[in-house]
Amino acid sequence: MKSFIGTYECKIDDKGRLKLPASLAKQMEDFGGDAFVVKRSVFQPCLEVYPMKAWEKLMVKINRLNRFQKKNADFIRSFTAGLKTVEPDTAGRLQISRDLTLFAGLTKDVVITSAGELFEIWDKEAYEKVIVTTEADFATLAEDVMGDISFDDEI
């Protein structure tokens, strides 16, 4: 499975055009050059950008949910609210819609950060607040999340 790598500081203009760093644009090409899906994050005030193949894989799981259960229908509606497909333009920019820009509070200074098979788009100030943590807090989180995983298995 491919993963994005890196954290980048960028600018977004008043029209919602986000200039992609060249190294990120190159990584996006490695995912097939197809369209990407931009959506609101579930847990944070940021945007998630999925390569189309990764999005389709996720939607296979979502589409298995029984929509005749209200909580499932509510989840699907909220999870897919505001979805947009985007492709880099000839100038290497992504057009972020106004509703998604407002959701993530994107101003002029933006951070794009890798998150495995997707990347996140953050307002720089919000990103800086989220990543501030003490070493002890991160060590505890790392142990809770990764502590029981066996790394002996082949990838």
Protein backbone atom coordinates (compact mmCIF):
# COMPACT_ATOMS: atom_id res chain seq x y z
CA MET A 1 0.00 0.00 0.00
CA LYS A 2 1.30 3.45 -0.92
CA SER A 3 1.47 6.24 1.62
CA PHE A 4 1.99 9.96 1.39
CA ILE A 5 5.10 11.31 3.10
CA GLY A 6 5.79 14.79 4.43
CA THR A 7 4.44 17.93 6.00
CA TYR A 8 4.31 21.12 3.95
CA GLU A 9 3.50 24.75 4.63
CA CYS A 10 1.53 26.33 1.80
CA LYS A 11 -0.69 29.26 0.93
CA ILE A 12 -4.34 29.30 -0.06
CA ASP A 13 -5.74 32.31 -1.89
CA ASP A 14 -9.08 34.08 -1.44
CA LYS A 15 -10.62 31.92 -4.18
CA GLY A 16 -9.72 28.68 -2.37
CA ARG A 17 -6.85 27.74 -4.69
CA LEU A 18 -4.16 25.82 -2.81
CA LYS A 19 -0.74 25.68 -4.46
CA LEU A 20 0.69 22.18 -4.03
CA PRO A 21 4.36 21.70 -3.20
CA ALA A 22 6.16 20.00 -6.11
CA SER A 23 7.11 16.95 -4.04
CA LEU A 24 3.48 16.40 -2.97
CA ALA A 25 2.25 16.87 -6.54
CA LYS A 26 4.73 14.18 -7.62
CA GLN A 27 3.44 11.81 -4.93
CA MET A 28 -0.11 12.45 -6.13
CA GLU A 29 0.93 11.34 -9.63
CA ASP A 30 2.17 8.08 -8.09
CA PHE A 31 -1.41 7.36 -7.00
CA GLY A 32 -2.54 7.15 -10.60
CA GLY A 33 -3.14 10.78 -11.42
CA ASP A 34 -6.90 10.29 -11.01
CA ALA A 35 -9.19 12.67 -9.24
CA PHE A 36 -9.00 12.95 -5.46
CA VAL A 37 -11.82 13.19 -2.94
CA VAL A 38 -11.80 16.01 -0.40
CA LYS A 39 -13.94 15.65 2.72
CA ARG A 40 -14.39 17.01 6.20
CA SER A 41 -12.47 15.14 8.87
CA VAL A 42 -14.54 13.27 11.44
CA PHE A 43 -12.44 14.15 14.48
CA GLN A 44 -10.57 17.37 13.68
CA PRO A 45 -11.24 20.73 11.99
CA CYS A 46 -9.30 19.79 8.88
CA LEU A 47 -9.86 18.29 5.44
CA GLU A 48 -8.89 14.82 4.27
CA VAL A 49 -7.79 14.20 0.69
CA TYR A 50 -8.08 10.63 -0.58
CA PRO A 51 -6.77 9.21 -3.85
CA MET A 52 -9.79 7.89 -5.76
CA LYS A 53 -8.77 4.23 -5.38
CA ALA A 54 -8.41 4.58 -1.59
CA TRP A 55 -11.76 6.39 -1.45
CA GLU A 56 -13.48 3.67 -3.46
CA LYS A 57 -12.03 1.02 -1.13
CA LEU A 58 -13.40 2.90 1.90
CA MET A 59 -16.81 3.36 0.24
CA VAL A 60 -17.09 -0.40 -0.32
CA LYS A 61 -17.08 -0.74 3.47
CA ILE A 62 -19.45 2.19 4.00
CA ASN A 63 -21.87 0.81 1.42
CA ARG A 64 -22.14 -2.43 3.37
CA LEU A 65 -23.88 -0.61 6.20
CA ASN A 66 -27.60 -1.26 6.52
CA ARG A 67 -29.23 2.04 5.59
CA PHE A 68 -32.48 0.89 7.19
CA GLN A 69 -30.88 1.49 10.58
CA LYS A 70 -31.18 5.17 11.39
CA LYS A 71 -27.75 5.47 13.00
CA ASN A 72 -26.14 4.04 9.84
CA ALA A 73 -28.07 6.39 7.55
CA ASP A 74 -27.18 9.34 9.80
CA PHE A 75 -23.53 8.32 9.83
CA ILE A 76 -23.34 7.96 6.05
CA ARG A 77 -25.01 11.34 5.54
CA SER A 78 -22.62 13.10 7.92
CA PHE A 79 -19.56 11.22 6.70
CA THR A 80 -20.18 12.14 3.08
CA ALA A 81 -21.43 15.69 3.69
CA GLY A 82 -19.62 18.23 1.55
CA LEU A 83 -17.62 15.70 -0.48
CA LYS A 84 -15.92 17.10 -3.54
CA THR A 85 -13.73 15.60 -6.23
CA VAL A 86 -10.68 17.63 -7.20
CA GLU A 87 -7.80 17.40 -9.63
CA PRO A 88 -4.70 19.57 -9.67
CA ASP A 89 -5.01 22.27 -12.34
CA THR A 90 -2.27 23.06 -14.88
CA ALA A 91 -0.66 25.43 -12.34
CA GLY A 92 -0.42 22.67 -9.70
CA ARG A 93 -3.24 23.97 -7.52
CA LEU A 94 -6.21 22.30 -5.86
CA GLN A 95 -9.50 24.19 -5.80
CA ILE A 96 -11.00 23.88 -2.32
CA SER A 97 -14.71 24.72 -2.20
CA ARG A 98 -15.95 27.53 0.01
CA ASP A 99 -17.94 25.21 2.32
CA LEU A 100 -14.89 23.02 2.98
CA THR A 101 -12.64 26.06 3.41
CA LEU A 102 -15.03 27.39 6.04
CA PHE A 103 -15.33 24.01 7.80
CA ALA A 104 -11.54 23.74 8.21
CA GLY A 105 -11.10 27.44 8.99
CA LEU A 106 -8.53 27.76 6.22
CA THR A 107 -6.98 31.19 6.03
CA LYS A 108 -3.87 32.23 4.14
CA ASP A 109 -1.36 29.92 5.84
CA VAL A 110 -2.05 26.20 5.45
CA VAL A 111 -0.30 22.96 6.44
CA ILE A 112 -0.61 19.80 4.38
CA THR A 113 0.44 16.71 6.28
CA SER A 114 0.63 13.07 5.30
CA ALA A 115 -1.67 10.57 7.02
CA GLY A 116 -0.94 7.24 5.36
CA GLU A 117 -2.91 6.71 2.17
CA LEU A 118 -4.43 10.18 2.46
CA PHE A 119 -3.25 13.64 3.41
CA GLU A 120 -4.81 16.33 5.57
CA ILE A 121 -5.19 20.06 4.93
CA TRP A 122 -5.10 22.25 8.03
CA ASP A 123 -5.15 25.91 8.87
CA LYS A 124 -1.60 26.44 10.13
CA GLU A 125 -2.62 27.86 13.51
CA ALA A 126 -5.06 24.99 14.18
CA TYR A 127 -2.44 22.42 13.15
CA GLU A 128 0.16 23.89 15.50
CA LYS A 129 -2.30 23.66 18.41
CA VAL A 130 -3.15 20.02 17.66
CA ILE A 131 0.42 18.74 17.42
CA VAL A 132 1.55 20.36 20.64
CA THR A 133 1.92 17.54 23.12
CA THR A 134 4.36 16.55 25.76
CA GLU A 135 6.72 13.66 25.14
CA ALA A 136 5.05 11.70 27.95
CA ASP A 137 1.58 12.18 26.40
CA PHE A 138 2.79 11.00 23.01
CA ALA A 139 4.67 8.08 24.54
CA THR A 140 1.49 6.94 26.32
CA LEU A 141 -0.56 7.33 23.14
CA ALA A 142 2.04 5.40 21.12
CA GLU A 143 2.01 2.58 23.65
CA ASP A 144 -1.80 2.43 23.71
CA VAL A 145 -2.12 2.40 19.93
CA MET A 146 0.94 0.44 18.84
CA GLY A 147 1.95 -1.53 21.93
CA ASP A 148 0.13 -4.76 21.10
CA ILE A 149 1.07 -4.90 17.42
CA SER A 150 3.49 -7.62 16.37
CA PHE A 151 6.03 -6.32 13.91
CA ASP A 152 7.32 -9.81 13.15
CA ASP A 153 4.81 -10.27 10.35
CA GLU A 154 5.89 -9.57 6.80
CA ILE A 155 4.30 -6.62 5.08
